[in-house]
C-alpha atoms as a PDB file:
ATOM      1  CA  UNK A   1      63.100 140.823 139.124  1.00  0.00           C
ATOM      2  CA  UNK A   2      60.152 138.461 138.629  1.00  0.00           C
ATOM      3  CA  UNK A   3      57.741 141.379 138.979  1.00  0.00           C
ATOM      4  CA  UNK A   4      59.625 143.336 136.317  1.00  0.00           C
ATOM      5  CA  UNK A   5      59.580 140.328 133.976  1.00  0.00           C
ATOM      6  CA  UNK A   6      55.806 140.121 134.350  1.00  0.00           C
ATOM      7  CA  UNK A   7      55.562 143.649 132.902  1.00  0.00           C
ATOM      8  CA  UNK A   8      57.478 142.734 129.723  1.00  0.00           C
ATOM      9  CA  UNK A   9      54.350 141.516 127.854  1.00  0.00           C
ATOM     10  CA  UNK A  10      52.659 144.852 128.605  1.00  0.00           C
ATOM     11  CA  UNK A  11      55.706 146.673 127.255  1.00  0.00           C
ATOM     12  CA  UNK A  12      55.443 144.465 124.158  1.00  0.00           C
ATOM     13  CA  UNK A  13      51.799 145.409 123.634  1.00  0.00           C
ATOM     14  CA  UNK A  14      52.704 149.079 124.064  1.00  0.00           C
ATOM     15  CA  UNK A  15      55.427 148.688 121.437  1.00  0.00           C
ATOM     16  CA  UNK A  16      52.903 147.055 119.079  1.00  0.00           C
ATOM     17  CA  UNK A  17      50.676 150.100 119.534  1.00  0.00           C
ATOM     18  CA  UNK A  18      53.680 152.350 118.841  1.00  0.00           C
ATOM     19  CA  UNK A  19      54.320 150.472 115.582  1.00  0.00           C
ATOM     20  CA  UNK A  20      50.649 150.820 114.674  1.00  0.00           C
ATOM     21  CA  UNK A  21      50.619 154.555 115.375  1.00  0.00           C
ATOM     22  CA  UNK A  22      53.721 155.083 113.234  1.00  0.00           C
ATOM     23  CA  UNK A  23      52.284 153.052 110.339  1.00  0.00           C
ATOM     24  CA  UNK A  24      48.959 154.884 110.604  1.00  0.00           C
ATOM     25  CA  UNK A  25      50.747 158.218 110.616  1.00  0.00           C
ATOM     26  CA  UNK A  26      52.767 157.211 107.552  1.00  0.00           C
ATOM     27  CA  UNK A  27      49.633 156.210 105.640  1.00  0.00           C
ATOM     28  CA  UNK A  28      50.016 156.290 101.863  1.00  0.00           C
ATOM     29  CA  UNK A  29      53.385 158.091 102.076  1.00  0.00           C
ATOM     30  CA  UNK A  30      55.030 154.889 103.298  1.00  0.00           C
ATOM     31  CA  UNK A  31      58.046 153.702 101.278  1.00  0.00           C
ATOM     32  CA  UNK A  32      57.587 149.938 100.867  1.00  0.00           C
ATOM     33  CA  UNK A  33      61.269 149.046 101.211  1.00  0.00           C
ATOM     34  CA  UNK A  34      61.901 151.042 104.364  1.00  0.00           C
ATOM     35  CA  UNK A  35      58.484 150.154 105.776  1.00  0.00           C
ATOM     36  CA  UNK A  36      59.276 146.446 105.405  1.00  0.00           C
ATOM     37  CA  UNK A  37      62.625 146.800 107.172  1.00  0.00           C
ATOM     38  CA  UNK A  38      60.993 149.080 109.764  1.00  0.00           C
ATOM     39  CA  UNK A  39      58.241 146.582 110.576  1.00  0.00           C
ATOM     40  CA  UNK A  40      60.507 143.536 110.389  1.00  0.00           C
ATOM     41  CA  UNK A  41      63.179 144.979 112.677  1.00  0.00           C
ATOM     42  CA  UNK A  42      60.530 146.120 115.157  1.00  0.00           C
ATOM     43  CA  UNK A  43      58.945 142.677 115.286  1.00  0.00           C
ATOM     44  CA  UNK A  44      62.306 140.905 115.537  1.00  0.00           C
ATOM     45  CA  UNK A  45      63.321 143.246 118.362  1.00  0.00           C
ATOM     46  CA  UNK A  46      60.108 142.469 120.191  1.00  0.00           C
ATOM     47  CA  UNK A  47      60.544 138.716 119.701  1.00  0.00           C
ATOM     48  CA  UNK A  48      64.079 138.859 121.045  1.00  0.00           C
ATOM     49  CA  UNK A  49      62.929 140.924 124.006  1.00  0.00           C
ATOM     50  CA  UNK A  50      60.393 138.215 124.831  1.00  0.00           C
ATOM     51  CA  UNK A  51      63.003 135.449 124.417  1.00  0.00           C
ATOM     52  CA  UNK A  52      65.458 137.260 126.709  1.00  0.00           C
ATOM     53  CA  UNK A  53      62.760 137.864 129.328  1.00  0.00           C
ATOM     54  CA  UNK A  54      61.667 134.237 129.114  1.00  0.00           C
ATOM     55  CA  UNK A  55      65.235 132.995 129.504  1.00  0.00           C
ATOM     56  CA  UNK A  56      65.726 135.260 132.517  1.00  0.00           C
ATOM     57  CA  UNK A  57      62.445 134.036 134.005  1.00  0.00           C
ATOM     58  CA  UNK A  58      63.557 130.432 133.518  1.00  0.00           C
ATOM     59  CA  UNK A  59      66.851 131.217 135.175  1.00  0.00           C
ATOM     60  CA  UNK A  60      65.043 132.724 138.173  1.00  0.00           C
ATOM     61  CA  UNK A  61      62.754 129.698 138.476  1.00  0.00           C
ATOM     62  CA  UNK A  62      65.695 127.301 138.246  1.00  0.00           C
ATOM     63  CA  UNK A  63      67.573 129.270 140.896  1.00  0.00           C
ATOM     64  CA  UNK A  64      64.575 129.175 143.253  1.00  0.00           C
ATOM     65  CA  UNK A  65      64.355 125.381 142.819  1.00  0.00           C
ATOM     66  CA  UNK A  66      68.050 124.661 143.360  1.00  0.00           C
ATOM     67  CA  UNK A  67      69.673 127.788 144.749  1.00  0.00           C
ATOM     68  CA  UNK A  68      72.729 126.054 146.188  1.00  0.00           C
ATOM     69  CA  UNK A  69      73.681 124.109 143.080  1.00  0.00           C
ATOM     70  CA  UNK A  70      72.962 126.515 140.257  1.00  0.00           C
ATOM     71  CA  UNK A  71      75.368 129.507 140.572  1.00  0.00           C
ATOM     72  CA  UNK A  72      78.558 127.518 139.916  1.00  0.00           C
ATOM     73  CA  UNK A  73      77.127 125.263 137.226  1.00  0.00           C
ATOM     74  CA  UNK A  74      77.716 125.336 133.503  1.00  0.00           C
ATOM     75  CA  UNK A  75      73.949 125.512 132.984  1.00  0.00           C
ATOM     76  CA  UNK A  76      73.767 128.770 134.928  1.00  0.00           C
ATOM     77  CA  UNK A  77      76.709 130.225 133.012  1.00  0.00           C
ATOM     78  CA  UNK A  78      75.119 129.261 129.690  1.00  0.00           C
ATOM     79  CA  UNK A  79      71.668 130.638 130.577  1.00  0.00           C
ATOM     80  CA  UNK A  80      73.154 133.891 131.838  1.00  0.00           C
ATOM     81  CA  UNK A  81      75.342 134.332 128.735  1.00  0.00           C
ATOM     82  CA  UNK A  82      72.448 133.417 126.430  1.00  0.00           C
ATOM     83  CA  UNK A  83      70.140 135.968 128.044  1.00  0.00           C
ATOM     84  CA  UNK A  84      72.821 138.662 127.951  1.00  0.00           C
ATOM     85  CA  UNK A  85      73.708 138.017 124.311  1.00  0.00           C
ATOM     86  CA  UNK A  86      70.102 137.933 123.088  1.00  0.00           C
ATOM     87  CA  UNK A  87      69.300 141.246 124.761  1.00  0.00           C
ATOM     88  CA  UNK A  88      72.511 143.245 124.748  1.00  0.00           C
ATOM     89  CA  UNK A  89      73.793 142.238 121.353  1.00  0.00           C
ATOM     90  CA  UNK A  90      71.067 140.968 119.035  1.00  0.00           C
ATOM     91  CA  UNK A  91      67.907 142.703 120.281  1.00  0.00           C
ATOM     92  CA  UNK A  92      69.649 146.053 120.611  1.00  0.00           C
ATOM     93  CA  UNK A  93      71.107 145.717 117.107  1.00  0.00           C
ATOM     94  CA  UNK A  94      67.556 145.235 115.807  1.00  0.00           C
ATOM     95  CA  UNK A  95      66.507 148.269 117.837  1.00  0.00           C
ATOM     96  CA  UNK A  96      69.264 150.215 116.074  1.00  0.00           C
ATOM     97  CA  UNK A  97      68.051 149.047 112.657  1.00  0.00           C
ATOM     98  CA  UNK A  98      64.513 150.025 113.669  1.00  0.00           C
ATOM     99  CA  UNK A  99      65.726 153.496 114.671  1.00  0.00           C
ATOM    100  CA  UNK A 100      67.598 153.967 111.384  1.00  0.00           C
ATOM    101  CA  UNK A 101      64.655 152.944 109.217  1.00  0.00           C
ATOM    102  CA  UNK A 102      62.191 154.959 111.290  1.00  0.00           C
ATOM    103  CA  UNK A 103      64.470 157.991 111.066  1.00  0.00           C
ATOM    104  CA  UNK A 104      64.774 157.533 107.301  1.00  0.00           C
ATOM    105  CA  UNK A 105      60.991 157.314 106.968  1.00  0.00           C
ATOM    106  CA  UNK A 106      60.672 160.354 109.231  1.00  0.00           C
ATOM    107  CA  UNK A 107      62.953 162.403 106.973  1.00  0.00           C
ATOM    108  CA  UNK A 108      61.206 161.270 103.780  1.00  0.00           C
ATOM    109  CA  UNK A 109      57.651 161.787 105.042  1.00  0.00           C
ATOM    110  CA  UNK A 110      57.912 164.435 107.804  1.00  0.00           C
ATOM    111  CA  UNK A 111      56.745 161.839 110.312  1.00  0.00           C
ATOM    112  CA  UNK A 112      58.588 163.702 113.085  1.00  0.00           C
ATOM    113  CA  UNK A 113      60.707 166.794 113.398  1.00  0.00           C
ATOM    114  CA  UNK A 114      63.958 166.639 111.443  1.00  0.00           C
ATOM    115  CA  UNK A 115      66.076 166.908 114.603  1.00  0.00           C
ATOM    116  CA  UNK A 116      64.403 163.802 116.074  1.00  0.00           C
ATOM    117  CA  UNK A 117      65.250 161.810 112.956  1.00  0.00           C
ATOM    118  CA  UNK A 118      68.866 163.008 113.014  1.00  0.00           C
ATOM    119  CA  UNK A 119      69.106 162.215 116.715  1.00  0.00           C
ATOM    120  CA  UNK A 120      67.711 158.770 115.871  1.00  0.00           C
ATOM    121  CA  UNK A 121      70.588 158.171 113.448  1.00  0.00           C
ATOM    122  CA  UNK A 122      73.198 159.191 116.023  1.00  0.00           C
ATOM    123  CA  UNK A 123      71.669 157.124 118.810  1.00  0.00           C
ATOM    124  CA  UNK A 124      71.236 154.126 116.488  1.00  0.00           C
ATOM    125  CA  UNK A 125      74.936 154.273 115.624  1.00  0.00           C
ATOM    126  CA  UNK A 126      75.716 154.219 119.335  1.00  0.00           C
ATOM    127  CA  UNK A 127      73.411 151.213 119.776  1.00  0.00           C
ATOM    128  CA  UNK A 128      74.943 149.327 116.855  1.00  0.00           C
ATOM    129  CA  UNK A 129      78.512 149.919 117.998  1.00  0.00           C
ATOM    130  CA  UNK A 130      78.193 149.984 121.768  1.00  0.00           C
ATOM    131  CA  UNK A 131      75.434 147.539 122.670  1.00  0.00           C
ATOM    132  CA  UNK A 132      77.830 144.686 123.383  1.00  0.00           C
ATOM    133  CA  UNK A 133      80.193 146.831 125.458  1.00  0.00           C
ATOM    134  CA  UNK A 134      78.212 149.480 127.336  1.00  0.00           C
ATOM    135  CA  UNK A 135      75.387 148.389 129.604  1.00  0.00           C
ATOM    136  CA  UNK A 136      73.778 151.855 129.830  1.00  0.00           C
ATOM    137  CA  UNK A 137      73.143 151.835 126.062  1.00  0.00           C
ATOM    138  CA  UNK A 138      70.092 149.684 126.835  1.00  0.00           C
ATOM    139  CA  UNK A 139      68.231 152.851 127.872  1.00  0.00           C
ATOM    140  CA  UNK A 140      68.753 154.684 124.574  1.00  0.00           C
ATOM    141  CA  UNK A 141      66.040 152.849 122.656  1.00  0.00           C
ATOM    142  CA  UNK A 142      63.166 153.294 125.131  1.00  0.00           C
ATOM    143  CA  UNK A 143      64.143 156.941 125.631  1.00  0.00           C
ATOM    144  CA  UNK A 144      64.059 157.550 121.862  1.00  0.00           C
ATOM    145  CA  UNK A 145      60.704 155.745 121.524  1.00  0.00           C
ATOM    146  CA  UNK A 146      59.367 157.955 124.332  1.00  0.00           C
ATOM    147  CA  UNK A 147      60.642 161.072 122.545  1.00  0.00           C
ATOM    148  CA  UNK A 148      58.988 160.065 119.254  1.00  0.00           C
ATOM    149  CA  UNK A 149      55.775 159.149 121.082  1.00  0.00           C
ATOM    150  CA  UNK A 150      55.640 162.498 122.888  1.00  0.00           C
ATOM    151  CA  UNK A 151      56.277 164.359 119.639  1.00  0.00           C
ATOM    152  CA  UNK A 152      53.421 162.515 117.897  1.00  0.00           C
ATOM    153  CA  UNK A 153      51.098 163.025 120.869  1.00  0.00           C
ATOM    154  CA  UNK A 154      51.782 166.767 121.002  1.00  0.00           C
ATOM    155  CA  UNK A 155      51.497 167.067 117.222  1.00  0.00           C
ATOM    156  CA  UNK A 156      48.144 165.236 117.247  1.00  0.00           C
ATOM    157  CA  UNK A 157      46.872 167.511 120.032  1.00  0.00           C
ATOM    158  CA  UNK A 158      47.882 170.571 117.990  1.00  0.00           C
ATOM    159  CA  UNK A 159      46.070 169.204 114.928  1.00  0.00           C
ATOM    160  CA  UNK A 160      42.890 168.453 116.880  1.00  0.00           C
ATOM    161  CA  UNK A 161      42.888 171.948 118.428  1.00  0.00           C
ATOM    162  CA  UNK A 162      43.336 173.574 115.039  1.00  0.00           C
ATOM    163  CA  UNK A 163      40.579 171.397 113.554  1.00  0.00           C
ATOM    164  CA  UNK A 164      38.266 172.404 116.413  1.00  0.00           C
ATOM    165  CA  UNK A 165      39.098 176.069 115.871  1.00  0.00           C
ATOM    166  CA  UNK A 166      38.421 175.713 112.126  1.00  0.00           C
ATOM    167  CA  UNK A 167      35.013 174.123 112.812  1.00  0.00           C
ATOM    168  CA  UNK A 168      34.028 177.017 115.090  1.00  0.00           C
ATOM    169  CA  UNK A 169      34.957 179.617 112.485  1.00  0.00           C
END
């Protein structure tokens, strides 16, 4: 678990790059209202992810220092509930808001394929409603980010190939 927590900052940097790629791709077509909510929800999600990882790391360190005393204590129960609530409820709700605003921007600006934006709406609704009840919902957001990232990567490769072909002609 400690090893996984040490990878969270790298995941955060990757998400920052994802935000940057989306904003760059939007360019001048960006709607200021949705772009503000998009950026704000993404940054809040990332902050909450870091807080949850930090709380879990603190819990692991406290357990290693006093393994016999901690599991039955009120401190352990609080730290565990705090970590769970920050991640499963609040961070995933922000992820849902991020997906909705990104999907809206995608529909308005052709940022991604229409079906990806519509899928984003459906998955965001599942995140907003189910994040406090279904543990597997946690995987929806990274899977959707991966889908959007792959779409953009493939689309950029297509554009660079067509630009290369146009230069040769």
